[in-house]
């Protein structure tokens, strides 16, 4: 896996409920990361077994530079939902 890829857990009320009830965890990454890289990262970092990985693209938000009156869009992010093997847990999501 490339060293410059940033993968961070996405902890919200909805992701907290998914982690407790369904054993699914949400991660946000850059647009370049694919499912295979994310699966390897999660298995290595958290020492768990990943069963399934689902992805969706979160479009970047629009904003306006008021000095030049130009509109920009921030870069897209990918949101991955990772299903773990029954019995495995990631404590980082459950402690909040």
PDB file of N, CA and C in Angstrom:
ATOM      1  N   UNK A   1       0.833  -1.172   0.000  1.00  0.00           N
ATOM      2  CA  UNK A   1       0.000   0.000   0.000  1.00  0.00           C
ATOM      3  C   UNK A   1       0.882   1.241   0.000  1.00  0.00           C
ATOM      4  N   UNK A   2       0.428   2.285  -0.654  1.00  0.00           N
ATOM      5  CA  UNK A   2       1.199   3.514  -0.746  1.00  0.00           C
ATOM      6  C   UNK A   2       1.256   4.205   0.605  1.00  0.00           C
ATOM      7  N   UNK A   3       2.353   4.891   0.865  1.00  0.00           N
ATOM      8  CA  UNK A   3       2.546   5.524   2.170  1.00  0.00           C
ATOM      9  C   UNK A   3       1.779   6.832   2.322  1.00  0.00           C
ATOM     10  N   UNK A   4       1.451   7.501   1.222  1.00  0.00           N
ATOM     11  CA  UNK A   4       0.843   8.821   1.331  1.00  0.00           C
ATOM     12  C   UNK A   4      -0.686   8.791   1.366  1.00  0.00           C
ATOM     13  N   UNK A   5      -1.299   7.635   1.520  1.00  0.00           N
ATOM     14  CA  UNK A   5      -2.754   7.531   1.550  1.00  0.00           C
ATOM     15  C   UNK A   5      -3.241   7.731   2.981  1.00  0.00           C
ATOM     16  N   UNK A   6      -4.278   8.569   3.131  1.00  0.00           N
ATOM     17  CA  UNK A   6      -4.840   8.852   4.441  1.00  0.00           C
ATOM     18  C   UNK A   6      -6.179   8.140   4.560  1.00  0.00           C
ATOM     19  N   UNK A   7      -6.285   7.260   5.554  1.00  0.00           N
ATOM     20  CA  UNK A   7      -7.531   6.553   5.832  1.00  0.00           C
ATOM     21  C   UNK A   7      -7.887   6.850   7.276  1.00  0.00           C
ATOM     22  N   UNK A   8      -9.070   7.452   7.488  1.00  0.00           N
ATOM     23  CA  UNK A   8      -9.448   7.822   8.836  1.00  0.00           C
ATOM     24  C   UNK A   8     -10.860   7.335   9.147  1.00  0.00           C
ATOM     25  N   UNK A   9     -11.096   6.920  10.389  1.00  0.00           N
ATOM     26  CA  UNK A   9     -12.439   6.491  10.763  1.00  0.00           C
ATOM     27  C   UNK A   9     -13.393   7.680  10.777  1.00  0.00           C
ATOM     28  N   UNK A  10     -14.620   7.425  10.392  1.00  0.00           N
ATOM     29  CA  UNK A  10     -15.654   8.460  10.347  1.00  0.00           C
ATOM     30  C   UNK A  10     -16.638   8.159  11.477  1.00  0.00           C
ATOM     31  N   UNK A  11     -16.524   8.904  12.570  1.00  0.00           N
ATOM     32  CA  UNK A  11     -17.318   8.616  13.756  1.00  0.00           C
ATOM     33  C   UNK A  11     -18.432   9.654  13.881  1.00  0.00           C
ATOM     34  N   UNK A  12     -19.657   9.193  13.649  1.00  0.00           N
ATOM     35  CA  UNK A  12     -20.858  10.009  13.804  1.00  0.00           C
ATOM     36  C   UNK A  12     -21.868   9.183  14.595  1.00  0.00           C
ATOM     37  N   UNK A  13     -23.021   9.748  14.846  1.00  0.00           N
ATOM     38  CA  UNK A  13     -24.047   8.994  15.562  1.00  0.00           C
ATOM     39  C   UNK A  13     -24.495   7.787  14.749  1.00  0.00           C
ATOM     40  N   UNK A  14     -24.674   7.984  13.461  1.00  0.00           N
ATOM     41  CA  UNK A  14     -25.126   6.885  12.607  1.00  0.00           C
ATOM     42  C   UNK A  14     -24.069   5.782  12.512  1.00  0.00           C
ATOM     43  N   UNK A  15     -22.802   6.156  12.343  1.00  0.00           N
ATOM     44  CA  UNK A  15     -21.751   5.141  12.249  1.00  0.00           C
ATOM     45  C   UNK A  15     -21.555   4.433  13.596  1.00  0.00           C
ATOM     46  N   UNK A  16     -21.767   5.144  14.709  1.00  0.00           N
ATOM     47  CA  UNK A  16     -21.681   4.531  16.027  1.00  0.00           C
ATOM     48  C   UNK A  16     -22.770   3.465  16.196  1.00  0.00           C
ATOM     49  N   UNK A  17     -23.995   3.771  15.751  1.00  0.00           N
ATOM     50  CA  UNK A  17     -25.091   2.804  15.819  1.00  0.00           C
ATOM     51  C   UNK A  17     -24.836   1.606  14.907  1.00  0.00           C
ATOM     52  N   UNK A  18     -24.289   1.858  13.704  1.00  0.00           N
ATOM     53  CA  UNK A  18     -23.966   0.756  12.792  1.00  0.00           C
ATOM     54  C   UNK A  18     -22.905  -0.157  13.390  1.00  0.00           C
ATOM     55  N   UNK A  19     -21.934   0.427  14.074  1.00  0.00           N
ATOM     56  CA  UNK A  19     -20.866  -0.369  14.675  1.00  0.00           C
ATOM     57  C   UNK A  19     -21.407  -1.251  15.789  1.00  0.00           C
ATOM     58  N   UNK A  20     -22.309  -0.711  16.601  1.00  0.00           N
ATOM     59  CA  UNK A  20     -22.853  -1.482  17.717  1.00  0.00           C
ATOM     60  C   UNK A  20     -23.863  -2.532  17.263  1.00  0.00           C
ATOM     61  N   UNK A  21     -24.757  -2.169  16.354  1.00  0.00           N
ATOM     62  CA  UNK A  21     -25.847  -3.064  15.986  1.00  0.00           C
ATOM     63  C   UNK A  21     -25.476  -4.036  14.862  1.00  0.00           C
ATOM     64  N   UNK A  22     -24.779  -3.555  13.831  1.00  0.00           N
ATOM     65  CA  UNK A  22     -24.562  -4.356  12.629  1.00  0.00           C
ATOM     66  C   UNK A  22     -23.126  -4.801  12.417  1.00  0.00           C
ATOM     67  N   UNK A  23     -22.200  -4.352  13.282  1.00  0.00           N
ATOM     68  CA  UNK A  23     -20.772  -4.666  13.144  1.00  0.00           C
ATOM     69  C   UNK A  23     -20.205  -4.128  11.823  1.00  0.00           C
ATOM     70  N   UNK A  24     -20.675  -2.923  11.424  1.00  0.00           N
ATOM     71  CA  UNK A  24     -20.186  -2.245  10.227  1.00  0.00           C
ATOM     72  C   UNK A  24     -19.520  -0.944  10.656  1.00  0.00           C
ATOM     73  N   UNK A  25     -18.377  -0.644  10.040  1.00  0.00           N
ATOM     74  CA  UNK A  25     -17.590   0.529  10.407  1.00  0.00           C
ATOM     75  C   UNK A  25     -17.371   1.393   9.179  1.00  0.00           C
ATOM     76  N   UNK A  26     -17.341   2.722   9.380  1.00  0.00           N
ATOM     77  CA  UNK A  26     -17.254   3.675   8.271  1.00  0.00           C
ATOM     78  C   UNK A  26     -15.890   4.359   8.300  1.00  0.00           C
ATOM     79  N   UNK A  27     -15.253   4.424   7.115  1.00  0.00           N
ATOM     80  CA  UNK A  27     -13.976   5.104   6.951  1.00  0.00           C
ATOM     81  C   UNK A  27     -14.090   6.092   5.802  1.00  0.00           C
ATOM     82  N   UNK A  28     -13.376   7.221   5.915  1.00  0.00           N
ATOM     83  CA  UNK A  28     -13.320   8.214   4.836  1.00  0.00           C
ATOM     84  C   UNK A  28     -11.888   8.273   4.339  1.00  0.00           C
ATOM     85  N   UNK A  29     -11.736   8.285   2.995  1.00  0.00           N
ATOM     86  CA  UNK A  29     -10.411   8.314   2.391  1.00  0.00           C
ATOM     87  C   UNK A  29     -10.400   9.301   1.239  1.00  0.00           C
ATOM     88  N   UNK A  30      -9.242   9.418   0.630  1.00  0.00           N
ATOM     89  CA  UNK A  30      -9.128  10.193  -0.597  1.00  0.00           C
ATOM     90  C   UNK A  30      -9.775   9.391  -1.729  1.00  0.00           C
ATOM     91  N   UNK A  31      -9.927  10.023  -2.860  1.00  0.00           N
ATOM     92  CA  UNK A  31     -10.587   9.396  -3.996  1.00  0.00           C
ATOM     93  C   UNK A  31      -9.740   8.290  -4.635  1.00  0.00           C
ATOM     94  N   UNK A  32      -8.435   8.260  -4.361  1.00  0.00           N
ATOM     95  CA  UNK A  32      -7.528   7.320  -5.031  1.00  0.00           C
ATOM     96  C   UNK A  32      -7.566   5.908  -4.451  1.00  0.00           C
ATOM     97  N   UNK A  33      -8.043   5.738  -3.226  1.00  0.00           N
ATOM     98  CA  UNK A  33      -7.988   4.443  -2.537  1.00  0.00           C
ATOM     99  C   UNK A  33      -9.067   3.518  -3.089  1.00  0.00           C
ATOM    100  N   UNK A  34      -8.720   2.235  -3.267  1.00  0.00           N
ATOM    101  CA  UNK A  34      -9.723   1.275  -3.708  1.00  0.00           C
ATOM    102  C   UNK A  34     -10.065   0.310  -2.571  1.00  0.00           C
ATOM    103  N   UNK A  35     -11.040  -0.577  -2.831  1.00  0.00           N
ATOM    104  CA  UNK A  35     -11.546  -1.473  -1.793  1.00  0.00           C
ATOM    105  C   UNK A  35     -10.484  -2.444  -1.293  1.00  0.00           C
ATOM    106  N   UNK A  36      -9.656  -2.938  -2.187  1.00  0.00           N
ATOM    107  CA  UNK A  36      -8.636  -3.915  -1.820  1.00  0.00           C
ATOM    108  C   UNK A  36      -7.607  -3.289  -0.882  1.00  0.00           C
ATOM    109  N   UNK A  37      -7.143  -2.077  -1.204  1.00  0.00           N
ATOM    110  CA  UNK A  37      -6.184  -1.386  -0.345  1.00  0.00           C
ATOM    111  C   UNK A  37      -6.780  -1.111   1.031  1.00  0.00           C
ATOM    112  N   UNK A  38      -8.042  -0.689   1.053  1.00  0.00           N
ATOM    113  CA  UNK A  38      -8.685  -0.398   2.332  1.00  0.00           C
ATOM    114  C   UNK A  38      -8.840  -1.669   3.162  1.00  0.00           C
ATOM    115  N   UNK A  39      -9.219  -2.770   2.540  1.00  0.00           N
ATOM    116  CA  UNK A  39      -9.373  -4.033   3.256  1.00  0.00           C
ATOM    117  C   UNK A  39      -8.049  -4.468   3.886  1.00  0.00           C
ATOM    118  N   UNK A  40      -6.953  -4.383   3.124  1.00  0.00           N
ATOM    119  CA  UNK A  40      -5.640  -4.748   3.652  1.00  0.00           C
ATOM    120  C   UNK A  40      -5.238  -3.836   4.806  1.00  0.00           C
ATOM    121  N   UNK A  41      -5.504  -2.539   4.674  1.00  0.00           N
ATOM    122  CA  UNK A  41      -5.149  -1.578   5.711  1.00  0.00           C
ATOM    123  C   UNK A  41      -5.900  -1.874   7.009  1.00  0.00           C
ATOM    124  N   UNK A  42      -7.224  -2.093   6.919  1.00  0.00           N
ATOM    125  CA  UNK A  42      -8.035  -2.324   8.114  1.00  0.00           C
ATOM    126  C   UNK A  42      -7.625  -3.626   8.792  1.00  0.00           C
ATOM    127  N   UNK A  43      -7.392  -4.677   8.011  1.00  0.00           N
ATOM    128  CA  UNK A  43      -6.984  -5.961   8.593  1.00  0.00           C
ATOM    129  C   UNK A  43      -5.627  -5.851   9.282  1.00  0.00           C
ATOM    130  N   UNK A  44      -4.710  -5.097   8.693  1.00  0.00           N
ATOM    131  CA  UNK A  44      -3.371  -4.945   9.272  1.00  0.00           C
ATOM    132  C   UNK A  44      -3.389  -4.018  10.488  1.00  0.00           C
ATOM    133  N   UNK A  45      -4.070  -2.898  10.386  1.00  0.00           N
ATOM    134  CA  UNK A  45      -4.056  -1.879  11.430  1.00  0.00           C
ATOM    135  C   UNK A  45      -4.832  -2.307  12.684  1.00  0.00           C
ATOM    136  N   UNK A  46      -6.019  -2.889  12.487  1.00  0.00           N
ATOM    137  CA  UNK A  46      -6.882  -3.208  13.618  1.00  0.00           C
ATOM    138  C   UNK A  46      -6.894  -4.698  13.974  1.00  0.00           C
ATOM    139  N   UNK A  47      -6.181  -5.520  13.214  1.00  0.00           N
ATOM    140  CA  UNK A  47      -6.072  -6.969  13.470  1.00  0.00           C
ATOM    141  C   UNK A  47      -7.438  -7.637  13.557  1.00  0.00           C
ATOM    142  N   UNK A  48      -8.253  -7.417  12.499  1.00  0.00           N
ATOM    143  CA  UNK A  48      -9.581  -8.011  12.386  1.00  0.00           C
ATOM    144  C   UNK A  48      -9.719  -8.655  11.011  1.00  0.00           C
ATOM    145  N   UNK A  49     -10.781  -9.418  10.795  1.00  0.00           N
ATOM    146  CA  UNK A  49     -11.058 -10.057   9.508  1.00  0.00           C
ATOM    147  C   UNK A  49     -12.217  -9.326   8.842  1.00  0.00           C
ATOM    148  N   UNK A  50     -11.991  -8.790   7.636  1.00  0.00           N
ATOM    149  CA  UNK A  50     -13.003  -8.043   6.895  1.00  0.00           C
ATOM    150  C   UNK A  50     -13.757  -9.001   5.977  1.00  0.00           C
ATOM    151  N   UNK A  51     -15.095  -8.962   6.052  1.00  0.00           N
ATOM    152  CA  UNK A  51     -15.913  -9.803   5.186  1.00  0.00           C
ATOM    153  C   UNK A  51     -16.332  -9.081   3.909  1.00  0.00           C
ATOM    154  N   UNK A  52     -16.737  -7.814   4.038  1.00  0.00           N
ATOM    155  CA  UNK A  52     -17.283  -7.097   2.891  1.00  0.00           C
ATOM    156  C   UNK A  52     -16.918  -5.618   2.992  1.00  0.00           C
ATOM    157  N   UNK A  53     -16.718  -4.988   1.824  1.00  0.00           N
ATOM    158  CA  UNK A  53     -16.440  -3.553   1.767  1.00  0.00           C
ATOM    159  C   UNK A  53     -17.372  -2.923   0.736  1.00  0.00           C
ATOM    160  N   UNK A  54     -18.142  -1.924   1.152  1.00  0.00           N
ATOM    161  CA  UNK A  54     -19.015  -1.165   0.261  1.00  0.00           C
ATOM    162  C   UNK A  54     -18.477   0.251   0.165  1.00  0.00           C
ATOM    163  N   UNK A  55     -18.670   0.889  -0.979  1.00  0.00           N
ATOM    164  CA  UNK A  55     -18.139   2.246  -1.137  1.00  0.00           C
ATOM    165  C   UNK A  55     -19.180   3.175  -1.734  1.00  0.00           C
ATOM    166  N   UNK A  56     -19.020   4.467  -1.433  1.00  0.00           N
ATOM    167  CA  UNK A  56     -19.810   5.500  -2.082  1.00  0.00           C
ATOM    168  C   UNK A  56     -18.987   6.768  -2.120  1.00  0.00           C
ATOM    169  N   UNK A  57     -19.242   7.596  -3.102  1.00  0.00           N
ATOM    170  CA  UNK A  57     -18.482   8.827  -3.278  1.00  0.00           C
ATOM    171  C   UNK A  57     -19.247   9.981  -2.657  1.00  0.00           C
ATOM    172  N   UNK A  58     -18.555  10.735  -1.817  1.00  0.00           N
ATOM    173  CA  UNK A  58     -19.128  11.911  -1.188  1.00  0.00           C
ATOM    174  C   UNK A  58     -18.597  13.123  -1.943  1.00  0.00           C
ATOM    175  N   UNK A  59     -19.460  13.815  -2.710  1.00  0.00           N
ATOM    176  CA  UNK A  59     -18.969  14.939  -3.506  1.00  0.00           C
ATOM    177  C   UNK A  59     -18.460  16.082  -2.644  1.00  0.00           C
ATOM    178  N   UNK A  60     -17.453  16.801  -3.172  1.00  0.00           N
ATOM    179  CA  UNK A  60     -16.897  17.937  -2.450  1.00  0.00           C
ATOM    180  C   UNK A  60     -17.869  19.097  -2.400  1.00  0.00           C
ATOM    181  N   UNK A  61     -17.789  19.865  -1.330  1.00  0.00           N
ATOM    182  CA  UNK A  61     -18.713  20.983  -1.165  1.00  0.00           C
ATOM    183  C   UNK A  61     -18.290  22.166  -2.027  1.00  0.00           C
ATOM    184  N   UNK A  62     -19.277  22.927  -2.466  1.00  0.00           N
ATOM    185  CA  UNK A  62     -19.024  24.117  -3.278  1.00  0.00           C
ATOM    186  C   UNK A  62     -18.801  25.317  -2.360  1.00  0.00           C
ATOM    187  N   UNK A  63     -17.898  26.185  -2.774  1.00  0.00           N
ATOM    188  CA  UNK A  63     -17.700  27.423  -2.035  1.00  0.00           C
ATOM    189  C   UNK A  63     -17.305  28.522  -3.013  1.00  0.00           C
ATOM    190  N   UNK A  64     -17.453  29.759  -2.569  1.00  0.00           N
ATOM    191  CA  UNK A  64     -17.208  30.915  -3.416  1.00  0.00           C
ATOM    192  C   UNK A  64     -16.101  31.771  -2.823  1.00  0.00           C
ATOM    193  N   UNK A  65     -15.173  32.176  -3.676  1.00  0.00           N
ATOM    194  CA  UNK A  65     -14.167  33.154  -3.277  1.00  0.00           C
ATOM    195  C   UNK A  65     -14.785  34.527  -3.548  1.00  0.00           C
ATOM    196  N   UNK A  66     -15.110  35.232  -2.492  1.00  0.00           N
ATOM    197  CA  UNK A  66     -15.865  36.472  -2.654  1.00  0.00           C
ATOM    198  C   UNK A  66     -15.044  37.612  -3.234  1.00  0.00           C
ATOM    199  N   UNK A  67     -13.724  37.533  -3.149  1.00  0.00           N
ATOM    200  CA  UNK A  67     -12.896  38.588  -3.729  1.00  0.00           C
ATOM    201  C   UNK A  67     -12.910  38.530  -5.252  1.00  0.00           C
ATOM    202  N   UNK A  68     -12.792  37.329  -5.796  1.00  0.00           N
ATOM    203  CA  UNK A  68     -12.739  37.186  -7.254  1.00  0.00           C
ATOM    204  C   UNK A  68     -14.071  36.731  -7.839  1.00  0.00           C
ATOM    205  N   UNK A  69     -15.042  36.421  -6.974  1.00  0.00           N
ATOM    206  CA  UNK A  69     -16.358  35.954  -7.382  1.00  0.00           C
ATOM    207  C   UNK A  69     -16.283  34.661  -8.206  1.00  0.00           C
ATOM    208  N   UNK A  70     -15.335  33.800  -7.865  1.00  0.00           N
ATOM    209  CA  UNK A  70     -15.214  32.503  -8.526  1.00  0.00           C
ATOM    210  C   UNK A  70     -15.754  31.416  -7.616  1.00  0.00           C
ATOM    211  N   UNK A  71     -16.313  30.408  -8.235  1.00  0.00           N
ATOM    212  CA  UNK A  71     -16.848  29.284  -7.476  1.00  0.00           C
ATOM    213  C   UNK A  71     -15.933  28.082  -7.631  1.00  0.00           C
ATOM    214  N   UNK A  72     -15.707  27.398  -6.525  1.00  0.00           N
ATOM    215  CA  UNK A  72     -14.836  26.236  -6.510  1.00  0.00           C
ATOM    216  C   UNK A  72     -15.577  25.068  -5.875  1.00  0.00           C
ATOM    217  N   UNK A  73     -15.047  23.878  -6.130  1.00  0.00           N
ATOM    218  CA  UNK A  73     -15.560  22.698  -5.469  1.00  0.00           C
ATOM    219  C   UNK A  73     -14.398  21.955  -4.854  1.00  0.00           C
ATOM    220  N   UNK A  74     -14.515  21.603  -3.582  1.00  0.00           N
ATOM    221  CA  UNK A  74     -13.459  20.850  -2.932  1.00  0.00           C
ATOM    222  C   UNK A  74     -13.419  19.442  -3.514  1.00  0.00           C
ATOM    223  N   UNK A  75     -12.306  18.749  -3.294  1.00  0.00           N
ATOM    224  CA  UNK A  75     -12.145  17.428  -3.894  1.00  0.00           C
ATOM    225  C   UNK A  75     -13.109  16.413  -3.272  1.00  0.00           C
ATOM    226  N   UNK A  76     -13.453  15.397  -4.056  1.00  0.00           N
ATOM    227  CA  UNK A  76     -14.360  14.353  -3.603  1.00  0.00           C
ATOM    228  C   UNK A  76     -13.669  13.461  -2.583  1.00  0.00           C
ATOM    229  N   UNK A  77     -14.460  12.878  -1.716  1.00  0.00           N
ATOM    230  CA  UNK A  77     -13.970  11.913  -0.733  1.00  0.00           C
ATOM    231  C   UNK A  77     -14.736  10.613  -0.942  1.00  0.00           C
ATOM    232  N   UNK A  78     -14.094   9.513  -0.598  1.00  0.00           N
ATOM    233  CA  UNK A  78     -14.767   8.226  -0.682  1.00  0.00           C
ATOM    234  C   UNK A  78     -15.109   7.768   0.716  1.00  0.00           C
ATOM    235  N   UNK A  79     -16.311   7.263   0.881  1.00  0.00           N
ATOM    236  CA  UNK A  79     -16.758   6.728   2.155  1.00  0.00           C
ATOM    237  C   UNK A  79     -16.891   5.221   1.978  1.00  0.00           C
ATOM    238  N   UNK A  80     -16.234   4.463   2.847  1.00  0.00           N
ATOM    239  CA  UNK A  80     -16.273   3.001   2.787  1.00  0.00           C
ATOM    240  C   UNK A  80     -16.952   2.463   4.036  1.00  0.00           C
ATOM    241  N   UNK A  81     -17.848   1.493   3.833  1.00  0.00           N
ATOM    242  CA  UNK A  81     -18.495   0.803   4.932  1.00  0.00           C
ATOM    243  C   UNK A  81     -17.924  -0.604   4.962  1.00  0.00           C
ATOM    244  N   UNK A  82     -17.285  -0.949   6.078  1.00  0.00           N
ATOM    245  CA  UNK A  82     -16.559  -2.210   6.208  1.00  0.00           C
ATOM    246  C   UNK A  82     -17.332  -3.135   7.141  1.00  0.00           C
ATOM    247  N   UNK A  83     -17.692  -4.323   6.641  1.00  0.00           N
ATOM    248  CA  UNK A  83     -18.367  -5.348   7.449  1.00  0.00           C
ATOM    249  C   UNK A  83     -17.314  -6.300   7.988  1.00  0.00           C
ATOM    250  N   UNK A  84     -17.268  -6.450   9.304  1.00  0.00           N
ATOM    251  CA  UNK A  84     -16.294  -7.336   9.927  1.00  0.00           C
ATOM    252  C   UNK A  84     -16.898  -8.708  10.210  1.00  0.00           C
ATOM    253  N   UNK A  85     -15.998  -9.678  10.395  1.00  0.00           N
ATOM    254  CA  UNK A  85     -16.408 -11.026  10.758  1.00  0.00           C
ATOM    255  C   UNK A  85     -17.077 -10.988  12.129  1.00  0.00           C
ATOM    256  N   UNK A  86     -18.049 -11.852  12.328  1.00  0.00           N
ATOM    257  CA  UNK A  86     -18.782 -11.879  13.587  1.00  0.00           C
ATOM    258  C   UNK A  86     -17.815 -12.150  14.744  1.00  0.00           C
ATOM    259  N   UNK A  87     -17.910 -11.328  15.769  1.00  0.00           N
ATOM    260  CA  UNK A  87     -17.030 -11.457  16.924  1.00  0.00           C
ATOM    261  C   UNK A  87     -15.885 -10.453  16.926  1.00  0.00           C
ATOM    262  N   UNK A  88     -15.492  -9.916  15.758  1.00  0.00           N
ATOM    263  CA  UNK A  88     -14.437  -8.910  15.683  1.00  0.00           C
ATOM    264  C   UNK A  88     -15.019  -7.529  15.949  1.00  0.00           C
ATOM    265  N   UNK A  89     -14.255  -6.681  16.613  1.00  0.00           N
ATOM    266  CA  UNK A  89     -14.676  -5.321  16.900  1.00  0.00           C
ATOM    267  C   UNK A  89     -13.485  -4.380  16.798  1.00  0.00           C
ATOM    268  N   UNK A  90     -13.772  -3.111  16.495  1.00  0.00           N
ATOM    269  CA  UNK A  90     -12.778  -2.060  16.512  1.00  0.00           C
ATOM    270  C   UNK A  90     -13.118  -1.151  17.687  1.00  0.00           C
ATOM    271  N   UNK A  91     -12.254  -1.116  18.694  1.00  0.00           N
ATOM    272  CA  UNK A  91     -12.540  -0.398  19.924  1.00  0.00           C
ATOM    273  C   UNK A  91     -12.607   1.117  19.732  1.00  0.00           C
ATOM    274  N   UNK A  92     -11.958   1.633  18.719  1.00  0.00           N
ATOM    275  CA  UNK A  92     -11.924   3.077  18.474  1.00  0.00           C
ATOM    276  C   UNK A  92     -13.339   3.626  18.235  1.00  0.00           C
ATOM    277  N   UNK A  93     -14.204   2.812  17.611  1.00  0.00           N
ATOM    278  CA  UNK A  93     -15.566   3.258  17.330  1.00  0.00           C
ATOM    279  C   UNK A  93     -16.478   3.098  18.555  1.00  0.00           C
ATOM    280  N   UNK A  94     -16.209   2.115  19.378  1.00  0.00           N
ATOM    281  CA  UNK A  94     -17.131   1.785  20.465  1.00  0.00           C
ATOM    282  C   UNK A  94     -16.867   2.567  21.742  1.00  0.00           C
ATOM    283  N   UNK A  95     -15.728   3.233  21.849  1.00  0.00           N
ATOM    284  CA  UNK A  95     -15.379   3.909  23.095  1.00  0.00           C
ATOM    285  C   UNK A  95     -15.982   5.295  23.240  1.00  0.00           C
ATOM    286  N   UNK A  96     -16.467   5.892  22.193  1.00  0.00           N
ATOM    287  CA  UNK A  96     -16.985   7.267  22.261  1.00  0.00           C
ATOM    288  C   UNK A  96     -18.384   7.322  22.810  1.00  0.00           C
TER     289      UNK A  96
END
